[in-house]
Amino acid sequence: MMSTVVILPRTNRSPFQLYLLALITLSGIAILTGLSNSPITQAMGSPEKYIWGSFLFVGGFFCLLGIYWPKDPITGMLIERTGLVALGGACLIWSVLVLWRVQWTGLFSATLTFALFLACLAQWRWINKDVNKVMRAIDDK
C-alpha cells in the first residue's frame, strides 16, 4: 500500500490569509534587499525602512511558521502570536511615522497599514482566547 505524502499540513486558515502573510514576508525581504523602493519607503529614510522590512519579514515568517507548526498546536499558536506582535506593532508605528514624515500624501498607505495592525490585533485576541481556554482546561485537571 502506498502512503500519502502531505506537502502542507492541514489548516483551517483561508488561502487568502496565507497568501497575504506570504506576501508580507516577501515584501520584507524585498525591502531589505533593495528590490522594493517605493516612494513611501524612500521618503522614510534608510534606518526606518530597514527596520520596517525586518519586522515585515520576521512577523510574517513567524505567523506562517506558527500556522504550519508540525508539532503541537499550542506551540504553533504561541509562535504565531509572537509574529502578530512583531507585525502588528510595526504596522502601528509605521502608520504614525508615515503620517508624521510624509503627511497627507502618505494617508492611503498609512490607513492600509493601520488596517493590517487592526487585523493583527484581532487575530492576537482570538489566539489568546484559545490559549487561555486550553490553560484553564489543564489547570482544572
N, C-alpha and C. Protein backbone atom coordinates (compact mmCIF):
# COMPACT_ATOMS: atom_id res chain seq x y z
N MET A 1 0.83 -1.17 0.00
CA MET A 1 0.00 0.00 0.00
C MET A 1 0.88 1.25 0.00
N MET A 2 0.49 2.24 -0.74
CA MET A 2 1.26 3.47 -0.86
C MET A 2 0.80 4.48 0.18
N SER A 3 1.76 5.17 0.80
CA SER A 3 1.38 6.18 1.78
C SER A 3 1.22 7.53 1.10
N THR A 4 0.38 8.35 1.69
CA THR A 4 0.13 9.69 1.16
C THR A 4 1.17 10.65 1.71
N VAL A 5 1.71 11.46 0.86
CA VAL A 5 2.68 12.47 1.28
C VAL A 5 1.94 13.79 1.44
N VAL A 6 2.05 14.37 2.62
CA VAL A 6 1.41 15.65 2.89
C VAL A 6 2.43 16.75 2.64
N ILE A 7 2.15 17.60 1.66
CA ILE A 7 3.07 18.69 1.34
C ILE A 7 2.89 19.82 2.33
N LEU A 8 1.68 20.20 2.61
CA LEU A 8 1.38 21.24 3.59
C LEU A 8 0.44 20.66 4.62
N PRO A 9 0.69 20.96 5.88
CA PRO A 9 -0.24 20.47 6.90
C PRO A 9 -1.62 21.06 6.73
N ARG A 10 -2.60 20.33 7.22
CA ARG A 10 -3.96 20.85 7.15
C ARG A 10 -4.11 22.04 8.07
N THR A 11 -4.80 23.04 7.63
CA THR A 11 -5.05 24.21 8.44
C THR A 11 -6.43 24.73 8.10
N ASN A 12 -7.07 25.35 9.07
CA ASN A 12 -8.39 25.91 8.81
C ASN A 12 -8.30 27.35 8.35
N ARG A 13 -7.12 27.79 7.99
CA ARG A 13 -6.91 29.16 7.56
C ARG A 13 -7.37 29.34 6.12
N SER A 14 -7.82 30.54 5.85
CA SER A 14 -8.20 30.89 4.50
C SER A 14 -6.95 30.95 3.62
N PRO A 15 -7.04 30.46 2.39
CA PRO A 15 -5.89 30.59 1.48
C PRO A 15 -5.49 32.04 1.26
N PHE A 16 -6.45 32.95 1.36
CA PHE A 16 -6.14 34.36 1.19
C PHE A 16 -5.29 34.87 2.35
N GLN A 17 -5.58 34.42 3.56
CA GLN A 17 -4.79 34.81 4.72
C GLN A 17 -3.35 34.31 4.56
N LEU A 18 -3.19 33.07 4.13
CA LEU A 18 -1.86 32.52 3.95
C LEU A 18 -1.11 33.25 2.83
N TYR A 19 -1.83 33.57 1.76
CA TYR A 19 -1.24 34.30 0.64
C TYR A 19 -0.76 35.68 1.09
N LEU A 20 -1.59 36.39 1.87
CA LEU A 20 -1.21 37.72 2.34
C LEU A 20 -0.02 37.66 3.29
N LEU A 21 0.03 36.66 4.17
CA LEU A 21 1.18 36.52 5.05
C LEU A 21 2.45 36.21 4.27
N ALA A 22 2.32 35.40 3.23
CA ALA A 22 3.48 35.13 2.37
C ALA A 22 3.93 36.40 1.66
N LEU A 23 2.98 37.20 1.18
CA LEU A 23 3.33 38.47 0.53
C LEU A 23 4.00 39.44 1.50
N ILE A 24 3.52 39.48 2.73
CA ILE A 24 4.12 40.34 3.75
C ILE A 24 5.56 39.93 3.98
N THR A 25 5.79 38.62 4.11
CA THR A 25 7.14 38.11 4.32
C THR A 25 8.04 38.45 3.14
N LEU A 26 7.54 38.24 1.93
CA LEU A 26 8.33 38.56 0.73
C LEU A 26 8.56 40.06 0.58
N SER A 27 7.59 40.86 1.00
CA SER A 27 7.77 42.32 0.95
C SER A 27 8.90 42.74 1.88
N GLY A 28 8.97 42.13 3.04
CA GLY A 28 10.07 42.42 3.95
C GLY A 28 11.42 42.08 3.34
N ILE A 29 11.49 40.93 2.68
CA ILE A 29 12.73 40.54 2.00
C ILE A 29 13.06 41.53 0.89
N ALA A 30 12.05 41.95 0.13
CA ALA A 30 12.28 42.88 -0.97
C ALA A 30 12.79 44.23 -0.46
N ILE A 31 12.27 44.70 0.66
CA ILE A 31 12.74 45.97 1.23
C ILE A 31 14.17 45.82 1.73
N LEU A 32 14.45 44.72 2.41
CA LEU A 32 15.79 44.50 2.97
C LEU A 32 16.86 44.35 1.89
N THR A 33 16.49 43.75 0.77
CA THR A 33 17.47 43.54 -0.30
C THR A 33 17.53 44.69 -1.30
N GLY A 34 16.62 45.65 -1.16
CA GLY A 34 16.62 46.79 -2.06
C GLY A 34 15.82 46.57 -3.34
N LEU A 35 15.14 45.45 -3.46
CA LEU A 35 14.33 45.19 -4.65
C LEU A 35 13.08 46.08 -4.68
N SER A 36 12.60 46.45 -3.52
CA SER A 36 11.43 47.32 -3.43
C SER A 36 11.90 48.69 -2.97
N ASN A 37 11.54 49.70 -3.74
CA ASN A 37 11.95 51.05 -3.40
C ASN A 37 10.81 52.01 -3.72
N SER A 38 9.72 51.86 -2.97
CA SER A 38 8.54 52.68 -3.21
C SER A 38 8.80 54.11 -2.75
N PRO A 39 8.00 55.06 -3.23
CA PRO A 39 8.18 56.45 -2.79
C PRO A 39 8.02 56.62 -1.28
N ILE A 40 7.16 55.83 -0.66
CA ILE A 40 6.96 55.94 0.78
C ILE A 40 8.21 55.48 1.52
N THR A 41 8.76 54.32 1.14
CA THR A 41 9.97 53.85 1.83
C THR A 41 11.16 54.75 1.54
N GLN A 42 11.22 55.34 0.34
CA GLN A 42 12.28 56.30 0.04
C GLN A 42 12.16 57.52 0.96
N ALA A 43 10.93 57.99 1.16
CA ALA A 43 10.72 59.17 1.99
C ALA A 43 11.01 58.90 3.46
N MET A 44 10.87 57.65 3.87
CA MET A 44 11.09 57.33 5.28
C MET A 44 12.56 57.34 5.65
N GLY A 45 13.42 57.07 4.72
CA GLY A 45 14.85 57.08 5.01
C GLY A 45 15.40 55.70 5.30
N SER A 46 16.72 55.66 5.39
CA SER A 46 17.42 54.39 5.47
C SER A 46 17.16 53.58 6.74
N PRO A 47 17.34 54.10 7.94
CA PRO A 47 17.17 53.17 9.06
C PRO A 47 15.73 52.71 9.24
N GLU A 48 14.77 53.64 9.03
CA GLU A 48 13.37 53.28 9.24
C GLU A 48 12.90 52.23 8.26
N LYS A 49 13.28 52.35 7.00
CA LYS A 49 12.79 51.37 6.02
C LYS A 49 13.38 50.00 6.25
N TYR A 50 14.62 49.91 6.73
CA TYR A 50 15.21 48.60 7.01
C TYR A 50 14.62 47.98 8.27
N ILE A 51 14.30 48.81 9.23
CA ILE A 51 13.61 48.29 10.42
C ILE A 51 12.23 47.78 10.03
N TRP A 52 11.52 48.54 9.19
CA TRP A 52 10.20 48.14 8.70
C TRP A 52 10.29 46.82 7.94
N GLY A 53 11.25 46.71 7.03
CA GLY A 53 11.43 45.47 6.27
C GLY A 53 11.75 44.29 7.17
N SER A 54 12.55 44.52 8.20
CA SER A 54 12.89 43.45 9.13
C SER A 54 11.66 42.96 9.88
N PHE A 55 10.84 43.89 10.35
CA PHE A 55 9.64 43.48 11.08
C PHE A 55 8.62 42.81 10.17
N LEU A 56 8.51 43.26 8.92
CA LEU A 56 7.62 42.56 7.98
C LEU A 56 8.08 41.12 7.79
N PHE A 57 9.38 40.96 7.58
CA PHE A 57 9.90 39.62 7.36
C PHE A 57 9.73 38.74 8.60
N VAL A 58 10.18 39.23 9.74
CA VAL A 58 10.12 38.43 10.97
C VAL A 58 8.67 38.14 11.38
N GLY A 59 7.83 39.17 11.36
CA GLY A 59 6.43 38.98 11.74
C GLY A 59 5.71 38.02 10.82
N GLY A 60 5.85 38.22 9.52
CA GLY A 60 5.19 37.33 8.56
C GLY A 60 5.71 35.91 8.65
N PHE A 61 7.03 35.78 8.79
CA PHE A 61 7.64 34.46 8.88
C PHE A 61 7.15 33.70 10.11
N PHE A 62 7.13 34.37 11.27
CA PHE A 62 6.68 33.70 12.49
C PHE A 62 5.18 33.37 12.43
N CYS A 63 4.39 34.21 11.80
CA CYS A 63 2.96 33.88 11.64
C CYS A 63 2.80 32.61 10.81
N LEU A 64 3.50 32.54 9.69
CA LEU A 64 3.41 31.35 8.84
C LEU A 64 3.99 30.13 9.54
N LEU A 65 5.10 30.31 10.24
CA LEU A 65 5.71 29.20 10.97
C LEU A 65 4.74 28.65 12.02
N GLY A 66 4.08 29.55 12.73
CA GLY A 66 3.12 29.12 13.74
C GLY A 66 1.92 28.40 13.15
N ILE A 67 1.44 28.88 12.02
CA ILE A 67 0.29 28.24 11.37
C ILE A 67 0.64 26.82 10.92
N TYR A 68 1.85 26.64 10.38
CA TYR A 68 2.26 25.34 9.86
C TYR A 68 3.14 24.56 10.83
N TRP A 69 3.15 24.93 12.11
CA TRP A 69 3.99 24.24 13.09
C TRP A 69 3.60 22.77 13.13
N PRO A 70 4.55 21.86 12.89
CA PRO A 70 4.20 20.44 12.77
C PRO A 70 3.96 19.73 14.10
N LYS A 71 4.37 20.32 15.18
CA LYS A 71 4.24 19.65 16.48
C LYS A 71 2.88 19.96 17.09
N ASP A 72 2.84 20.35 18.34
CA ASP A 72 1.56 20.60 19.00
C ASP A 72 0.97 21.96 18.61
N PRO A 73 -0.36 22.05 18.54
CA PRO A 73 -0.99 23.29 18.09
C PRO A 73 -0.82 24.46 19.06
N ILE A 74 -0.64 24.20 20.35
CA ILE A 74 -0.47 25.29 21.30
C ILE A 74 0.84 26.04 21.01
N THR A 75 1.90 25.31 20.80
CA THR A 75 3.18 25.95 20.46
C THR A 75 3.04 26.73 19.17
N GLY A 76 2.33 26.17 18.20
CA GLY A 76 2.09 26.87 16.95
C GLY A 76 1.35 28.18 17.16
N MET A 77 0.34 28.16 18.02
CA MET A 77 -0.40 29.40 18.30
C MET A 77 0.48 30.43 18.99
N LEU A 78 1.36 29.98 19.89
CA LEU A 78 2.25 30.91 20.58
C LEU A 78 3.28 31.52 19.62
N ILE A 79 3.75 30.71 18.68
CA ILE A 79 4.69 31.22 17.67
C ILE A 79 3.97 32.23 16.78
N GLU A 80 2.77 31.90 16.35
CA GLU A 80 2.00 32.83 15.52
C GLU A 80 1.72 34.13 16.28
N ARG A 81 1.40 34.01 17.56
CA ARG A 81 1.13 35.19 18.37
C ARG A 81 2.36 36.10 18.44
N THR A 82 3.54 35.51 18.53
CA THR A 82 4.78 36.28 18.54
C THR A 82 4.93 37.05 17.23
N GLY A 83 4.64 36.39 16.12
CA GLY A 83 4.70 37.07 14.83
C GLY A 83 3.70 38.20 14.72
N LEU A 84 2.52 37.99 15.29
CA LEU A 84 1.49 39.03 15.25
C LEU A 84 1.89 40.26 16.06
N VAL A 85 2.56 40.04 17.18
CA VAL A 85 3.04 41.17 17.99
C VAL A 85 4.07 41.97 17.21
N ALA A 86 5.01 41.28 16.57
CA ALA A 86 6.04 41.97 15.79
C ALA A 86 5.42 42.71 14.61
N LEU A 87 4.57 42.03 13.87
CA LEU A 87 3.96 42.62 12.68
C LEU A 87 2.98 43.73 13.03
N GLY A 88 2.11 43.48 13.99
CA GLY A 88 1.12 44.49 14.38
C GLY A 88 1.75 45.72 14.99
N GLY A 89 2.73 45.52 15.86
CA GLY A 89 3.42 46.66 16.46
C GLY A 89 4.13 47.50 15.43
N ALA A 90 4.78 46.84 14.49
CA ALA A 90 5.47 47.57 13.42
C ALA A 90 4.48 48.33 12.54
N CYS A 91 3.32 47.73 12.28
CA CYS A 91 2.30 48.40 11.46
C CYS A 91 1.79 49.67 12.15
N LEU A 92 1.57 49.59 13.44
CA LEU A 92 1.10 50.77 14.17
C LEU A 92 2.15 51.88 14.14
N ILE A 93 3.38 51.54 14.43
CA ILE A 93 4.45 52.54 14.42
C ILE A 93 4.67 53.10 13.02
N TRP A 94 4.65 52.23 12.01
CA TRP A 94 4.87 52.67 10.63
C TRP A 94 3.77 53.63 10.19
N SER A 95 2.53 53.35 10.55
CA SER A 95 1.42 54.23 10.17
C SER A 95 1.63 55.63 10.73
N VAL A 96 2.00 55.70 11.99
CA VAL A 96 2.24 57.01 12.61
C VAL A 96 3.44 57.71 11.96
N LEU A 97 4.51 56.96 11.73
CA LEU A 97 5.70 57.56 11.11
C LEU A 97 5.43 58.07 9.70
N VAL A 98 4.64 57.33 8.94
CA VAL A 98 4.32 57.77 7.58
C VAL A 98 3.56 59.08 7.62
N LEU A 99 2.56 59.18 8.48
CA LEU A 99 1.80 60.42 8.58
C LEU A 99 2.66 61.57 9.10
N TRP A 100 3.59 61.27 9.98
CA TRP A 100 4.45 62.31 10.53
C TRP A 100 5.47 62.80 9.50
N ARG A 101 6.07 61.86 8.75
CA ARG A 101 7.13 62.21 7.81
C ARG A 101 6.59 62.65 6.44
N VAL A 102 5.64 61.89 5.91
CA VAL A 102 5.17 62.12 4.54
C VAL A 102 3.90 62.96 4.52
N GLN A 103 3.23 63.03 5.62
CA GLN A 103 1.99 63.76 5.84
C GLN A 103 0.87 63.25 4.93
N TRP A 104 0.08 64.14 4.38
CA TRP A 104 -1.15 63.72 3.69
C TRP A 104 -0.92 62.89 2.45
N THR A 105 0.24 63.00 1.82
CA THR A 105 0.48 62.17 0.64
C THR A 105 0.61 60.69 1.01
N GLY A 106 0.90 60.40 2.28
CA GLY A 106 1.00 59.02 2.73
C GLY A 106 -0.23 58.51 3.45
N LEU A 107 -1.32 59.26 3.40
CA LEU A 107 -2.52 58.88 4.15
C LEU A 107 -3.07 57.52 3.72
N PHE A 108 -3.13 57.25 2.43
CA PHE A 108 -3.67 55.97 1.95
C PHE A 108 -2.80 54.80 2.44
N SER A 109 -1.50 54.94 2.30
CA SER A 109 -0.58 53.89 2.76
C SER A 109 -0.68 53.70 4.27
N ALA A 110 -0.75 54.80 5.01
CA ALA A 110 -0.85 54.70 6.47
C ALA A 110 -2.17 54.05 6.89
N THR A 111 -3.24 54.35 6.17
CA THR A 111 -4.55 53.76 6.50
C THR A 111 -4.54 52.26 6.25
N LEU A 112 -3.99 51.82 5.13
CA LEU A 112 -3.90 50.38 4.86
C LEU A 112 -3.03 49.66 5.88
N THR A 113 -1.94 50.30 6.25
CA THR A 113 -1.04 49.69 7.23
C THR A 113 -1.70 49.63 8.61
N PHE A 114 -2.46 50.67 8.96
CA PHE A 114 -3.18 50.67 10.23
C PHE A 114 -4.26 49.58 10.22
N ALA A 115 -4.90 49.35 9.08
CA ALA A 115 -5.89 48.27 8.98
C ALA A 115 -5.23 46.91 9.22
N LEU A 116 -4.01 46.74 8.73
CA LEU A 116 -3.28 45.50 8.99
C LEU A 116 -2.96 45.37 10.48
N PHE A 117 -2.65 46.47 11.14
CA PHE A 117 -2.47 46.45 12.60
C PHE A 117 -3.74 45.96 13.29
N LEU A 118 -4.89 46.47 12.88
CA LEU A 118 -6.16 46.05 13.49
C LEU A 118 -6.42 44.56 13.26
N ALA A 119 -6.09 44.07 12.06
CA ALA A 119 -6.26 42.64 11.77
C ALA A 119 -5.33 41.80 12.65
N CYS A 120 -4.10 42.25 12.85
CA CYS A 120 -3.16 41.54 13.72
C CYS A 120 -3.67 41.53 15.16
N LEU A 121 -4.21 42.65 15.59
CA LEU A 121 -4.74 42.76 16.95
C LEU A 121 -5.92 41.79 17.15
N ALA A 122 -6.81 41.72 16.17
CA ALA A 122 -7.96 40.81 16.27
C ALA A 122 -7.50 39.35 16.32
N GLN A 123 -6.57 38.98 15.46
CA GLN A 123 -6.07 37.60 15.46
C GLN A 123 -5.34 37.29 16.76
N TRP A 124 -4.60 38.24 17.28
CA TRP A 124 -3.89 38.07 18.55
C TRP A 124 -4.88 37.79 19.68
N ARG A 125 -6.00 38.54 19.68
CA ARG A 125 -7.04 38.33 20.70
C ARG A 125 -7.65 36.93 20.60
N TRP A 126 -7.93 36.47 19.37
CA TRP A 126 -8.52 35.14 19.19
C TRP A 126 -7.56 34.06 19.67
N ILE A 127 -6.29 34.22 19.34
CA ILE A 127 -5.31 33.23 19.78
C ILE A 127 -5.22 33.24 21.31
N ASN A 128 -5.20 34.40 21.92
CA ASN A 128 -5.14 34.48 23.39
C ASN A 128 -6.34 33.79 24.03
N LYS A 129 -7.53 33.98 23.45
CA LYS A 129 -8.71 33.32 23.99
C LYS A 129 -8.56 31.80 23.93
N ASP A 130 -8.08 31.30 22.79
CA ASP A 130 -7.90 29.85 22.64
C ASP A 130 -6.84 29.31 23.59
N VAL A 131 -5.73 30.03 23.72
CA VAL A 131 -4.67 29.59 24.63
C VAL A 131 -5.18 29.61 26.08
N ASN A 132 -5.92 30.64 26.44
CA ASN A 132 -6.46 30.71 27.79
C ASN A 132 -7.45 29.57 28.07
N LYS A 133 -8.26 29.19 27.09
CA LYS A 133 -9.18 28.05 27.26
C LYS A 133 -8.39 26.77 27.55
N VAL A 134 -7.34 26.56 26.79
CA VAL A 134 -6.53 25.36 26.98
C VAL A 134 -5.85 25.39 28.35
N MET A 135 -5.33 26.53 28.74
CA MET A 135 -4.65 26.63 30.03
C MET A 135 -5.63 26.39 31.18
N ARG A 136 -6.84 26.91 31.07
CA ARG A 136 -7.86 26.65 32.09
C ARG A 136 -8.21 25.17 32.16
N ALA A 137 -8.31 24.53 30.99
CA ALA A 137 -8.63 23.10 30.96
C ALA A 137 -7.51 22.29 31.60
N ILE A 138 -6.26 22.69 31.40
CA ILE A 138 -5.13 21.99 32.01
C ILE A 138 -5.15 22.20 33.52
N ASP A 139 -5.43 23.42 33.94
CA ASP A 139 -5.46 23.73 35.38
C ASP A 139 -6.58 23.00 36.09
N ASP A 140 -7.71 22.75 35.39
CA ASP A 140 -8.86 22.07 36.01
C ASP A 140 -8.61 20.59 36.23
N LYS A 141 -7.64 20.02 35.54
CA LYS A 141 -7.39 18.57 35.67
C LYS A 141 -6.64 18.23 36.91
